[in-house]
Amino acid sequence: MINAADIVVTMGCGDACPVIDGHRYLDRPVPDPDGAPLVVVRRVRDDIDAHITDLLNSLPPTA
């Protein structure tokens, strides 16, 4: 799946994730919400949503 991607977004795996030349990588560390209160889980969800929305808005339009 990575071979078909132009941009790969990882969530804090750093060097543990495979890196394939020719792709743009964005690492967005995310706190593990396992066992966290619902308010924290919602904050993590909203942060991921905001990062993805910003990324999508930064991409050039496609034909």
Protein backbone atom coordinates (compact mmCIF):
# COMPACT_ATOMS: atom_id res chain seq x y z
CA MET A 1 0.00 0.00 0.00
CA ILE A 2 2.88 2.38 0.74
CA ASN A 3 4.14 2.00 -2.82
CA ALA A 4 0.91 3.56 -4.12
CA ALA A 5 1.12 6.54 -1.74
CA ASP A 6 2.65 9.95 -2.35
CA ILE A 7 2.55 10.86 1.34
CA VAL A 8 2.77 8.44 4.26
CA VAL A 9 1.49 9.66 7.62
CA THR A 10 2.74 7.73 10.63
CA MET A 11 1.56 8.18 14.18
CA GLY A 12 4.66 8.15 16.30
CA CYS A 13 6.40 5.00 15.09
CA GLY A 14 9.54 6.92 14.13
CA ASP A 15 12.33 4.59 13.02
CA ALA A 16 10.22 1.48 13.64
CA CYS A 17 8.16 2.11 10.48
CA PRO A 18 9.56 1.01 7.14
CA VAL A 19 10.75 3.84 4.91
CA ILE A 20 10.63 3.51 1.14
CA ASP A 21 12.58 6.02 -0.94
CA GLY A 22 10.57 8.36 -3.09
CA HIS A 23 7.79 8.98 -0.60
CA ARG A 24 7.12 11.93 1.65
CA TYR A 25 6.78 10.91 5.29
CA LEU A 26 5.03 12.88 8.01
CA ASP A 27 5.31 11.57 11.54
CA ARG A 28 2.59 12.79 13.88
CA PRO A 29 3.21 11.36 17.34
CA VAL A 30 -0.08 10.56 19.03
CA PRO A 31 -0.51 9.67 22.69
CA ASP A 32 -1.88 6.17 23.25
CA PRO A 33 -5.54 6.64 24.21
CA ASP A 34 -5.84 3.10 25.64
CA GLY A 35 -7.41 3.41 29.08
CA ALA A 36 -7.57 7.21 28.91
CA PRO A 37 -10.69 9.10 29.95
CA LEU A 38 -13.16 9.83 27.16
CA VAL A 39 -12.28 13.52 27.13
CA VAL A 40 -8.63 12.63 26.36
CA VAL A 41 -9.63 10.15 23.64
CA ARG A 42 -11.81 12.80 22.01
CA ARG A 43 -8.93 15.29 22.14
CA VAL A 44 -6.63 12.76 20.42
CA ARG A 45 -9.31 12.10 17.79
CA ASP A 46 -9.82 15.81 17.17
CA ASP A 47 -6.07 16.40 16.90
CA ILE A 48 -5.73 13.64 14.28
CA ASP A 49 -8.69 15.09 12.38
CA ALA A 50 -7.14 18.58 12.42
CA HIS A 51 -3.77 17.30 11.14
CA ILE A 52 -5.39 15.33 8.32
CA THR A 53 -7.63 18.26 7.37
CA ASP A 54 -4.59 20.57 7.26
CA LEU A 55 -2.71 18.06 5.12
CA LEU A 56 -5.60 17.67 2.68
CA ASN A 57 -5.99 21.44 2.41
CA SER A 58 -2.28 21.81 1.64
CA LEU A 59 -2.36 19.42 -1.32
CA PRO A 60 -2.61 20.79 -4.84
CA PRO A 61 -5.92 20.17 -6.62
CA THR A 62 -6.04 17.12 -8.85
CA ALA A 63 -7.36 17.05 -12.37
